[in-house]
Amino acid sequence: MTYDLTNKVAVVTGGNSGIGLGIAQELAEQGAKVFVTGRRQEELDAAVKAIGHGAVGVQGDVTSLADLDRLYDVVQQHGAPIDILVANAGGGAFQPDAASYINGAEIFVDGGFAQI
């Protein structure tokens, strides 16, 4: 399916690998100006190169409000509102007990809502 996303701005959190990277690539192919986030700069740089089409990488952690503010500032410096938001950032860790599981769940829920 083809969409004309020319002049649309897309932000993909966790866009440096996996599903997020695939989504970012497709959005860019359809004409969107794509901003991707990731925690690891080296992976983020590789993703921006793979996405092409003038994609912009913004290093940061979606569980950090300061990083989300910086992401928003970078997008705004390009002079356009956000049209598409893909809240894709995630992660995983070994959860040895119930307390660790609950803590991990709180991080993912808090981070997910902060992205929106």
C-alpha atoms as a PDB file:
ATOM      1  CA  MET A   1       0.000   0.000   0.000  1.00  0.00           C
ATOM      2  CA  THR A   2       1.281   3.457  -0.860  1.00  0.00           C
ATOM      3  CA  TYR A   3       0.586   6.675   1.013  1.00  0.00           C
ATOM      4  CA  ASP A   4       1.764  10.182   0.229  1.00  0.00           C
ATOM      5  CA  LEU A   5       3.379  11.365   3.457  1.00  0.00           C
ATOM      6  CA  THR A   6       5.168  14.307   1.842  1.00  0.00           C
ATOM      7  CA  ASN A   7       5.484  17.203   4.314  1.00  0.00           C
ATOM      8  CA  LYS A   8       4.474  14.979   7.223  1.00  0.00           C
ATOM      9  CA  VAL A   9       6.673  14.636  10.295  1.00  0.00           C
ATOM     10  CA  ALA A  10       6.997  11.232  11.952  1.00  0.00           C
ATOM     11  CA  VAL A  11       8.651  10.437  15.284  1.00  0.00           C
ATOM     12  CA  VAL A  12       9.491   6.798  15.977  1.00  0.00           C
ATOM     13  CA  THR A  13      10.751   6.013  19.459  1.00  0.00           C
ATOM     14  CA  GLY A  14      12.936   2.936  19.542  1.00  0.00           C
ATOM     15  CA  GLY A  15      13.481   3.440  15.829  1.00  0.00           C
ATOM     16  CA  ASN A  16      17.084   2.297  15.882  1.00  0.00           C
ATOM     17  CA  SER A  17      16.331  -1.443  15.532  1.00  0.00           C
ATOM     18  CA  GLY A  18      13.714  -4.113  14.982  1.00  0.00           C
ATOM     19  CA  ILE A  19      10.113  -3.182  14.267  1.00  0.00           C
ATOM     20  CA  GLY A  20      10.754   0.507  14.970  1.00  0.00           C
ATOM     21  CA  LEU A  21      13.494   0.623  12.353  1.00  0.00           C
ATOM     22  CA  GLY A  22      11.227  -1.083   9.819  1.00  0.00           C
ATOM     23  CA  ILE A  23       8.418   1.379  10.516  1.00  0.00           C
ATOM     24  CA  ALA A  24      10.812   4.336  10.230  1.00  0.00           C
ATOM     25  CA  GLN A  25      12.143   3.051   6.895  1.00  0.00           C
ATOM     26  CA  GLU A  26       8.635   2.637   5.495  1.00  0.00           C
ATOM     27  CA  LEU A  27       7.533   6.095   6.661  1.00  0.00           C
ATOM     28  CA  ALA A  28      10.613   7.623   5.034  1.00  0.00           C
ATOM     29  CA  GLU A  29       9.959   5.689   1.805  1.00  0.00           C
ATOM     30  CA  GLN A  30       6.438   7.131   1.770  1.00  0.00           C
ATOM     31  CA  GLY A  31       7.855  10.670   2.000  1.00  0.00           C
ATOM     32  CA  ALA A  32       7.705  11.543   5.706  1.00  0.00           C
ATOM     33  CA  LYS A  33      10.448  13.471   7.478  1.00  0.00           C
ATOM     34  CA  VAL A  34      11.461  10.887  10.082  1.00  0.00           C
ATOM     35  CA  PHE A  35      12.957  11.414  13.534  1.00  0.00           C
ATOM     36  CA  VAL A  36      14.062   8.283  15.385  1.00  0.00           C
ATOM     37  CA  THR A  37      15.166   7.818  18.960  1.00  0.00           C
ATOM     38  CA  GLY A  38      17.373   5.258  20.609  1.00  0.00           C
ATOM     39  CA  ARG A  39      19.533   4.981  23.698  1.00  0.00           C
ATOM     40  CA  ARG A  40      22.724   3.787  21.994  1.00  0.00           C
ATOM     41  CA  GLN A  41      24.338   6.370  19.714  1.00  0.00           C
ATOM     42  CA  GLU A  42      26.226   3.864  17.539  1.00  0.00           C
ATOM     43  CA  GLU A  43      23.047   1.925  16.717  1.00  0.00           C
ATOM     44  CA  LEU A  44      21.163   5.167  16.204  1.00  0.00           C
ATOM     45  CA  ASP A  45      23.751   6.417  13.698  1.00  0.00           C
ATOM     46  CA  ALA A  46      23.539   3.130  11.779  1.00  0.00           C
ATOM     47  CA  ALA A  47      19.742   3.330  11.744  1.00  0.00           C
ATOM     48  CA  VAL A  48      19.736   6.894  10.403  1.00  0.00           C
ATOM     49  CA  LYS A  49      22.033   5.776   7.604  1.00  0.00           C
ATOM     50  CA  ALA A  50      19.815   2.763   6.843  1.00  0.00           C
ATOM     51  CA  ILE A  51      16.639   4.873   6.837  1.00  0.00           C
ATOM     52  CA  GLY A  52      18.117   7.544   4.571  1.00  0.00           C
ATOM     53  CA  HIS A  53      15.838  10.249   3.166  1.00  0.00           C
ATOM     54  CA  GLY A  54      17.214  12.846   5.598  1.00  0.00           C
ATOM     55  CA  ALA A  55      16.196  10.963   8.735  1.00  0.00           C
ATOM     56  CA  VAL A  56      17.298  12.525  12.012  1.00  0.00           C
ATOM     57  CA  GLY A  57      18.469  10.528  15.024  1.00  0.00           C
ATOM     58  CA  VAL A  58      17.986  11.850  18.545  1.00  0.00           C
ATOM     59  CA  GLN A  59      19.781   9.900  21.262  1.00  0.00           C
ATOM     60  CA  GLY A  60      17.740   9.523  24.420  1.00  0.00           C
ATOM     61  CA  ASP A  61      15.712   7.371  26.777  1.00  0.00           C
ATOM     62  CA  VAL A  62      11.919   7.699  26.653  1.00  0.00           C
ATOM     63  CA  THR A  63      11.716   7.173  30.407  1.00  0.00           C
ATOM     64  CA  SER A  64      13.579  10.484  30.833  1.00  0.00           C
ATOM     65  CA  LEU A  65      11.363  13.556  30.591  1.00  0.00           C
ATOM     66  CA  ALA A  66      14.438  15.683  29.882  1.00  0.00           C
ATOM     67  CA  ASP A  67      15.288  13.460  26.889  1.00  0.00           C
ATOM     68  CA  LEU A  68      11.696  13.693  25.631  1.00  0.00           C
ATOM     69  CA  ASP A  69      11.829  17.494  25.943  1.00  0.00           C
ATOM     70  CA  ARG A  70      15.059  17.502  23.925  1.00  0.00           C
ATOM     71  CA  LEU A  71      13.460  15.283  21.265  1.00  0.00           C
ATOM     72  CA  TYR A  72      10.543  17.691  20.978  1.00  0.00           C
ATOM     73  CA  ASP A  73      12.947  20.642  20.726  1.00  0.00           C
ATOM     74  CA  VAL A  74      14.902  18.968  17.915  1.00  0.00           C
ATOM     75  CA  VAL A  75      11.705  18.295  15.964  1.00  0.00           C
ATOM     76  CA  GLN A  76      10.507  21.863  16.503  1.00  0.00           C
ATOM     77  CA  GLN A  77      13.839  23.241  15.243  1.00  0.00           C
ATOM     78  CA  HIS A  78      12.905  21.717  11.895  1.00  0.00           C
ATOM     79  CA  GLY A  79       9.800  23.917  11.926  1.00  0.00           C
ATOM     80  CA  ALA A  80       6.995  21.397  11.721  1.00  0.00           C
ATOM     81  CA  PRO A  81       4.463  19.826  14.079  1.00  0.00           C
ATOM     82  CA  ILE A  82       4.495  16.095  14.735  1.00  0.00           C
ATOM     83  CA  ASP A  83       1.950  14.390  12.478  1.00  0.00           C
ATOM     84  CA  ILE A  84       2.769  10.753  13.271  1.00  0.00           C
ATOM     85  CA  LEU A  85       3.979   9.334  16.581  1.00  0.00           C
ATOM     86  CA  VAL A  86       5.026   5.698  16.857  1.00  0.00           C
ATOM     87  CA  ALA A  87       5.546   4.899  20.553  1.00  0.00           C
ATOM     88  CA  ASN A  88       7.684   1.825  19.951  1.00  0.00           C
ATOM     89  CA  ALA A  89      10.494   2.056  22.502  1.00  0.00           C
ATOM     90  CA  GLY A  90      10.822  -0.964  24.717  1.00  0.00           C
ATOM     91  CA  GLY A  91      13.288  -3.192  26.419  1.00  0.00           C
ATOM     92  CA  GLY A  92      13.629  -6.241  28.535  1.00  0.00           C
ATOM     93  CA  ALA A  93      15.393  -7.623  31.528  1.00  0.00           C
ATOM     94  CA  PHE A  94      15.516 -10.849  33.496  1.00  0.00           C
ATOM     95  CA  GLN A  95      12.951 -10.598  36.273  1.00  0.00           C
ATOM     96  CA  PRO A  96      13.987 -12.927  39.115  1.00  0.00           C
ATOM     97  CA  ASP A  97      11.157 -12.091  41.520  1.00  0.00           C
ATOM     98  CA  ALA A  98       7.767 -10.385  41.784  1.00  0.00           C
ATOM     99  CA  ALA A  99       9.159  -7.089  43.077  1.00  0.00           C
ATOM    100  CA  SER A 100      11.538  -6.794  40.124  1.00  0.00           C
ATOM    101  CA  TYR A 101       8.709  -7.668  37.729  1.00  0.00           C
ATOM    102  CA  ILE A 102       6.480  -4.927  39.173  1.00  0.00           C
ATOM    103  CA  ASN A 103       9.318  -2.389  38.997  1.00  0.00           C
ATOM    104  CA  GLY A 104       9.969  -3.301  35.357  1.00  0.00           C
ATOM    105  CA  ALA A 105       6.282  -3.030  34.491  1.00  0.00           C
ATOM    106  CA  GLU A 106       6.095   0.426  36.077  1.00  0.00           C
ATOM    107  CA  ILE A 107       9.054   1.601  33.988  1.00  0.00           C
ATOM    108  CA  PHE A 108       7.434   0.406  30.750  1.00  0.00           C
ATOM    109  CA  VAL A 109       4.039   1.887  31.579  1.00  0.00           C
ATOM    110  CA  ASP A 110       5.488   5.207  32.723  1.00  0.00           C
ATOM    111  CA  GLY A 111       7.774   5.381  29.674  1.00  0.00           C
ATOM    112  CA  GLY A 112       4.951   4.511  27.299  1.00  0.00           C
ATOM    113  CA  PHE A 113       2.670   7.222  28.629  1.00  0.00           C
ATOM    114  CA  ALA A 114       5.506   9.745  28.693  1.00  0.00           C
ATOM    115  CA  GLN A 115       6.064   9.159  24.963  1.00  0.00           C
ATOM    116  CA  ILE A 116       2.475  10.104  24.239  1.00  0.00           C
END
